[in-house]
Every structure is written in C-alpha cells, then in structure tokens.
C-alpha atoms as a PDB file:
ATOM      1  CA  UNK A   1     -38.863   6.898  -9.317  1.00  0.00           C
ATOM      2  CA  UNK A   2     -35.709   5.079  -9.917  1.00  0.00           C
ATOM      3  CA  UNK A   3     -35.585   2.306 -12.479  1.00  0.00           C
ATOM      4  CA  UNK A   4     -33.098  -0.250 -13.576  1.00  0.00           C
ATOM      5  CA  UNK A   5     -33.348  -1.527 -17.104  1.00  0.00           C
ATOM      6  CA  UNK A   6     -31.153  -4.679 -17.696  1.00  0.00           C
ATOM      7  CA  UNK A   7     -30.832  -7.009 -20.683  1.00  0.00           C
ATOM      8  CA  UNK A   8     -31.322 -10.558 -19.438  1.00  0.00           C
ATOM      9  CA  UNK A   9     -32.593 -12.107 -16.300  1.00  0.00           C
ATOM     10  CA  UNK A  10     -30.659 -12.908 -13.026  1.00  0.00           C
ATOM     11  CA  UNK A  11     -30.043 -16.577 -13.165  1.00  0.00           C
ATOM     12  CA  UNK A  12     -27.568 -17.372 -10.382  1.00  0.00           C
ATOM     13  CA  UNK A  13     -29.348 -17.786  -7.016  1.00  0.00           C
ATOM     14  CA  UNK A  14     -26.733 -15.744  -5.153  1.00  0.00           C
ATOM     15  CA  UNK A  15     -27.193 -12.794  -7.443  1.00  0.00           C
ATOM     16  CA  UNK A  16     -30.981 -13.026  -7.330  1.00  0.00           C
ATOM     17  CA  UNK A  17     -30.774 -13.023  -3.469  1.00  0.00           C
ATOM     18  CA  UNK A  18     -28.405 -10.153  -3.241  1.00  0.00           C
ATOM     19  CA  UNK A  19     -30.411  -8.057  -5.791  1.00  0.00           C
ATOM     20  CA  UNK A  20     -33.687  -8.918  -4.019  1.00  0.00           C
ATOM     21  CA  UNK A  21     -32.253  -7.782  -0.620  1.00  0.00           C
ATOM     22  CA  UNK A  22     -31.346  -4.331  -2.051  1.00  0.00           C
ATOM     23  CA  UNK A  23     -34.713  -4.035  -3.843  1.00  0.00           C
ATOM     24  CA  UNK A  24     -36.365  -4.782  -0.545  1.00  0.00           C
ATOM     25  CA  UNK A  25     -34.252  -2.263   1.323  1.00  0.00           C
ATOM     26  CA  UNK A  26     -34.966   0.475  -1.282  1.00  0.00           C
ATOM     27  CA  UNK A  27     -38.721  -0.023  -0.567  1.00  0.00           C
ATOM     28  CA  UNK A  28     -38.120   2.349   2.427  1.00  0.00           C
ATOM     29  CA  UNK A  29     -37.094   5.045   0.011  1.00  0.00           C
ATOM     30  CA  UNK A  30     -39.832   4.768  -2.620  1.00  0.00           C
ATOM     31  CA  UNK A  31     -38.522   1.622  -4.266  1.00  0.00           C
ATOM     32  CA  UNK A  32     -36.870   0.782  -7.495  1.00  0.00           C
ATOM     33  CA  UNK A  33     -38.507  -0.492 -10.642  1.00  0.00           C
ATOM     34  CA  UNK A  34     -36.518  -3.401 -12.270  1.00  0.00           C
ATOM     35  CA  UNK A  35     -37.314  -4.057 -15.953  1.00  0.00           C
ATOM     36  CA  UNK A  36     -35.621  -6.973 -17.535  1.00  0.00           C
ATOM     37  CA  UNK A  37     -35.395  -6.815 -21.363  1.00  0.00           C
ATOM     38  CA  UNK A  38     -34.762  -9.723 -23.723  1.00  0.00           C
ATOM     39  CA  UNK A  39     -31.240  -9.539 -25.257  1.00  0.00           C
ATOM     40  CA  UNK A  40     -31.088  -9.901 -28.998  1.00  0.00           C
ATOM     41  CA  UNK A  41     -30.067 -13.424 -30.175  1.00  0.00           C
ATOM     42  CA  UNK A  42     -26.508 -13.777 -31.353  1.00  0.00           C
ATOM     43  CA  UNK A  43     -24.845 -16.922 -32.668  1.00  0.00           C
ATOM     44  CA  UNK A  44     -21.722 -18.484 -31.141  1.00  0.00           C
ATOM     45  CA  UNK A  45     -18.689 -16.403 -32.175  1.00  0.00           C
ATOM     46  CA  UNK A  46     -20.690 -13.547 -33.830  1.00  0.00           C
ATOM     47  CA  UNK A  47     -19.194 -11.145 -36.291  1.00  0.00           C
ATOM     48  CA  UNK A  48     -18.741  -7.380 -35.531  1.00  0.00           C
ATOM     49  CA  UNK A  49     -21.608  -6.799 -38.021  1.00  0.00           C
ATOM     50  CA  UNK A  50     -23.872  -9.250 -36.155  1.00  0.00           C
ATOM     51  CA  UNK A  51     -23.038  -7.684 -32.870  1.00  0.00           C
ATOM     52  CA  UNK A  52     -23.798  -4.140 -33.978  1.00  0.00           C
ATOM     53  CA  UNK A  53     -27.139  -5.284 -35.476  1.00  0.00           C
ATOM     54  CA  UNK A  54     -28.002  -6.920 -32.120  1.00  0.00           C
ATOM     55  CA  UNK A  55     -27.040  -3.791 -30.187  1.00  0.00           C
ATOM     56  CA  UNK A  56     -29.175  -1.633 -32.555  1.00  0.00           C
ATOM     57  CA  UNK A  57     -32.155  -3.906 -32.024  1.00  0.00           C
ATOM     58  CA  UNK A  58     -31.626  -3.839 -28.252  1.00  0.00           C
ATOM     59  CA  UNK A  59     -31.218  -0.052 -28.242  1.00  0.00           C
ATOM     60  CA  UNK A  60     -34.553   0.405 -30.156  1.00  0.00           C
ATOM     61  CA  UNK A  61     -36.286  -1.842 -27.716  1.00  0.00           C
ATOM     62  CA  UNK A  62     -34.827  -0.064 -24.788  1.00  0.00           C
ATOM     63  CA  UNK A  63     -35.630   3.454 -26.039  1.00  0.00           C
ATOM     64  CA  UNK A  64     -39.218   2.410 -26.898  1.00  0.00           C
ATOM     65  CA  UNK A  65     -39.637   0.856 -23.421  1.00  0.00           C
ATOM     66  CA  UNK A  66     -38.717   4.159 -21.687  1.00  0.00           C
ATOM     67  CA  UNK A  67     -40.951   7.310 -21.658  1.00  0.00           C
ATOM     68  CA  UNK A  68     -39.639  10.144 -23.675  1.00  0.00           C
ATOM     69  CA  UNK A  69     -39.100  12.310 -20.574  1.00  0.00           C
ATOM     70  CA  UNK A  70     -37.115   9.600 -18.792  1.00  0.00           C
ATOM     71  CA  UNK A  71     -33.551  10.571 -17.960  1.00  0.00           C
ATOM     72  CA  UNK A  72     -31.261   7.717 -18.812  1.00  0.00           C
ATOM     73  CA  UNK A  73     -27.955   6.825 -17.030  1.00  0.00           C
ATOM     74  CA  UNK A  74     -26.000   4.418 -19.262  1.00  0.00           C
ATOM     75  CA  UNK A  75     -23.647   2.033 -17.452  1.00  0.00           C
ATOM     76  CA  UNK A  76     -20.852   1.712 -19.926  1.00  0.00           C
ATOM     77  CA  UNK A  77     -17.031   1.242 -20.060  1.00  0.00           C
ATOM     78  CA  UNK A  78     -16.630   4.746 -21.430  1.00  0.00           C
ATOM     79  CA  UNK A  79     -18.721   6.222 -18.570  1.00  0.00           C
ATOM     80  CA  UNK A  80     -17.188   8.291 -15.798  1.00  0.00           C
ATOM     81  CA  UNK A  81     -16.417   6.626 -12.531  1.00  0.00           C
ATOM     82  CA  UNK A  82     -17.510   8.726  -9.392  1.00  0.00           C
ATOM     83  CA  UNK A  83     -17.226   8.313  -5.726  1.00  0.00           C
ATOM     84  CA  UNK A  84     -20.116   7.017  -3.568  1.00  0.00           C
ATOM     85  CA  UNK A  85     -20.650  10.495  -2.086  1.00  0.00           C
ATOM     86  CA  UNK A  86     -20.742  12.147  -5.500  1.00  0.00           C
ATOM     87  CA  UNK A  87     -23.129   9.431  -6.729  1.00  0.00           C
ATOM     88  CA  UNK A  88     -25.421  10.211  -3.747  1.00  0.00           C
ATOM     89  CA  UNK A  89     -25.286  14.018  -4.548  1.00  0.00           C
ATOM     90  CA  UNK A  90     -26.126  13.303  -8.167  1.00  0.00           C
ATOM     91  CA  UNK A  91     -29.008  11.021  -7.220  1.00  0.00           C
ATOM     92  CA  UNK A  92     -30.399  13.733  -4.971  1.00  0.00           C
ATOM     93  CA  UNK A  93     -30.515  16.069  -7.885  1.00  0.00           C
ATOM     94  CA  UNK A  94     -32.053  13.497 -10.178  1.00  0.00           C
ATOM     95  CA  UNK A  95     -34.747  11.504  -8.213  1.00  0.00           C
ATOM     96  CA  UNK A  96     -36.258  10.082 -11.376  1.00  0.00           C
ATOM     97  CA  UNK A  97     -33.713   8.240 -13.597  1.00  0.00           C
ATOM     98  CA  UNK A  98     -33.490   4.984 -15.431  1.00  0.00           C
ATOM     99  CA  UNK A  99     -30.138   3.127 -15.061  1.00  0.00           C
ATOM    100  CA  UNK A 100     -29.466   0.974 -18.035  1.00  0.00           C
ATOM    101  CA  UNK A 101     -27.216  -2.108 -18.060  1.00  0.00           C
ATOM    102  CA  UNK A 102     -26.514  -3.477 -21.523  1.00  0.00           C
ATOM    103  CA  UNK A 103     -26.199  -6.957 -22.759  1.00  0.00           C
ATOM    104  CA  UNK A 104     -22.972  -8.868 -22.957  1.00  0.00           C
ATOM    105  CA  UNK A 105     -21.667  -6.655 -25.757  1.00  0.00           C
ATOM    106  CA  UNK A 106     -22.567  -3.387 -24.080  1.00  0.00           C
ATOM    107  CA  UNK A 107     -25.032  -0.721 -25.186  1.00  0.00           C
ATOM    108  CA  UNK A 108     -25.921   0.671 -28.586  1.00  0.00           C
ATOM    109  CA  UNK A 109     -24.638   4.208 -29.406  1.00  0.00           C
ATOM    110  CA  UNK A 110     -28.142   5.482 -29.727  1.00  0.00           C
ATOM    111  CA  UNK A 111     -28.770   4.596 -26.028  1.00  0.00           C
ATOM    112  CA  UNK A 112     -25.450   6.196 -24.897  1.00  0.00           C
ATOM    113  CA  UNK A 113     -26.407   9.281 -27.038  1.00  0.00           C
ATOM    114  CA  UNK A 114     -29.804   9.456 -25.259  1.00  0.00           C
ATOM    115  CA  UNK A 115     -28.214   9.256 -21.846  1.00  0.00           C
ATOM    116  CA  UNK A 116     -27.944  12.413 -19.649  1.00  0.00           C
ATOM    117  CA  UNK A 117     -25.154  10.545 -17.691  1.00  0.00           C
ATOM    118  CA  UNK A 118     -22.649   7.807 -18.605  1.00  0.00           C
ATOM    119  CA  UNK A 119     -21.482   5.976 -15.457  1.00  0.00           C
ATOM    120  CA  UNK A 120     -18.675   3.415 -15.014  1.00  0.00           C
ATOM    121  CA  UNK A 121     -19.000   1.182 -12.028  1.00  0.00           C
ATOM    122  CA  UNK A 122     -15.336   0.138 -12.372  1.00  0.00           C
ATOM    123  CA  UNK A 123     -12.545   0.072 -14.985  1.00  0.00           C
ATOM    124  CA  UNK A 124     -12.688  -3.635 -14.558  1.00  0.00           C
ATOM    125  CA  UNK A 125     -15.061  -5.920 -16.413  1.00  0.00           C
ATOM    126  CA  UNK A 126     -17.947  -7.077 -14.304  1.00  0.00           C
ATOM    127  CA  UNK A 127     -20.445  -9.806 -15.133  1.00  0.00           C
ATOM    128  CA  UNK A 128     -23.845  -8.151 -15.906  1.00  0.00           C
ATOM    129  CA  UNK A 129     -25.500  -9.921 -12.966  1.00  0.00           C
ATOM    130  CA  UNK A 130     -22.832  -8.650 -10.566  1.00  0.00           C
ATOM    131  CA  UNK A 131     -23.016  -5.199 -12.118  1.00  0.00           C
ATOM    132  CA  UNK A 132     -26.738  -5.061 -11.316  1.00  0.00           C
ATOM    133  CA  UNK A 133     -26.157  -6.054  -7.649  1.00  0.00           C
ATOM    134  CA  UNK A 134     -23.212  -3.444  -7.281  1.00  0.00           C
ATOM    135  CA  UNK A 135     -25.539  -0.769  -8.758  1.00  0.00           C
ATOM    136  CA  UNK A 136     -28.461  -1.594  -6.487  1.00  0.00           C
ATOM    137  CA  UNK A 137     -26.122  -1.535  -3.473  1.00  0.00           C
ATOM    138  CA  UNK A 138     -24.767   1.844  -4.443  1.00  0.00           C
ATOM    139  CA  UNK A 139     -28.261   3.287  -4.910  1.00  0.00           C
ATOM    140  CA  UNK A 140     -29.183   1.977  -1.542  1.00  0.00           C
ATOM    141  CA  UNK A 141     -26.025   3.402  -0.016  1.00  0.00           C
ATOM    142  CA  UNK A 142     -26.669   6.782  -1.752  1.00  0.00           C
ATOM    143  CA  UNK A 143     -30.221   6.835  -0.414  1.00  0.00           C
ATOM    144  CA  UNK A 144     -29.000   6.069   3.151  1.00  0.00           C
ATOM    145  CA  UNK A 145     -26.397   8.943   2.820  1.00  0.00           C
ATOM    146  CA  UNK A 146     -29.010  11.449   1.478  1.00  0.00           C
ATOM    147  CA  UNK A 147     -31.269  10.428   4.412  1.00  0.00           C
ATOM    148  CA  UNK A 148     -28.570  11.225   6.847  1.00  0.00           C
ATOM    149  CA  UNK A 149     -28.649   7.558   8.071  1.00  0.00           C
ATOM    150  CA  UNK A 150     -25.657   5.415   8.945  1.00  0.00           C
ATOM    151  CA  UNK A 151     -24.649   2.475   6.703  1.00  0.00           C
ATOM    152  CA  UNK A 152     -21.631   0.273   7.178  1.00  0.00           C
ATOM    153  CA  UNK A 153     -18.500   1.374   5.402  1.00  0.00           C
END
C-alpha cells in the first residue's frame, strides 16, 4: 500500500479538489492512504534552535506513526530528482512505501536517515500543498505507466 504522510492539512479548495481527484483515481490501483500529521508549533520568526526542536518533535511523531517495516521516501531539497519513467520503475519495485512531506521547515534529520529514498520533486521551492498534489499526480502517472495504460503527456 502506498501512503503519503504530510504535516498540515490541505486548506485551499483548489488543492483539496486536485488532491481528491488523484486519490479517487488511485483507487483503481489499490488506493493511497493519506495521513495528515500536526506540525509542531513555532512562534513568528523562530530561532534556528526553535526550528530544530520543532523538526525533532515532528520527526519523532512521524517515525512513531509509521510501522517499523515501512519503507520511507523523504521528499526533501537534498533528495534526488528523477524522471517520471524512473519514478514508475522504482514504484514497481517498491509497492509499499510511505512518502513523507515535511512541514514548512522541512524534515528532521532522523526522518531523512530512516528513509530508503530521498526524492526531490523539483529544485524549485514548492508550497507544501502543491507538493502533495504534484506527488499524487506523479504516483497516478506512474501507476498508469506500470499498467501499460495511456495517460496524457
């Protein structure tokens, strides 16, 4: 089973609608489990120490929410970007994986260390809500490729 763990909820209606559409489409391939986790509280203009403490708290919550045997794919800026075709091939080899989208300050190092795969969706910075939609679309596209079905390019 594929899972997406994300810190925070989708708030904007257009992101909710787009993500919902891909979740619905993925139902034909066994579905995807979306798990929204609560981001740690940070004050306005937090210090680096406060950010690191929040990331550690989030990392512990995330790792305790995933089963020990769960393979983790960390979506992070230091991840490796890959083509859609390579993404599809990798998903075919790892049918059970949890994709993790961090909070606004990223992911804790312990989460990255626990990951079997670090993925970058783009060298550009994406809002977390948009990153979730892009990830879901790419998972759907990969499933279509692996099923030998046509999908708009």
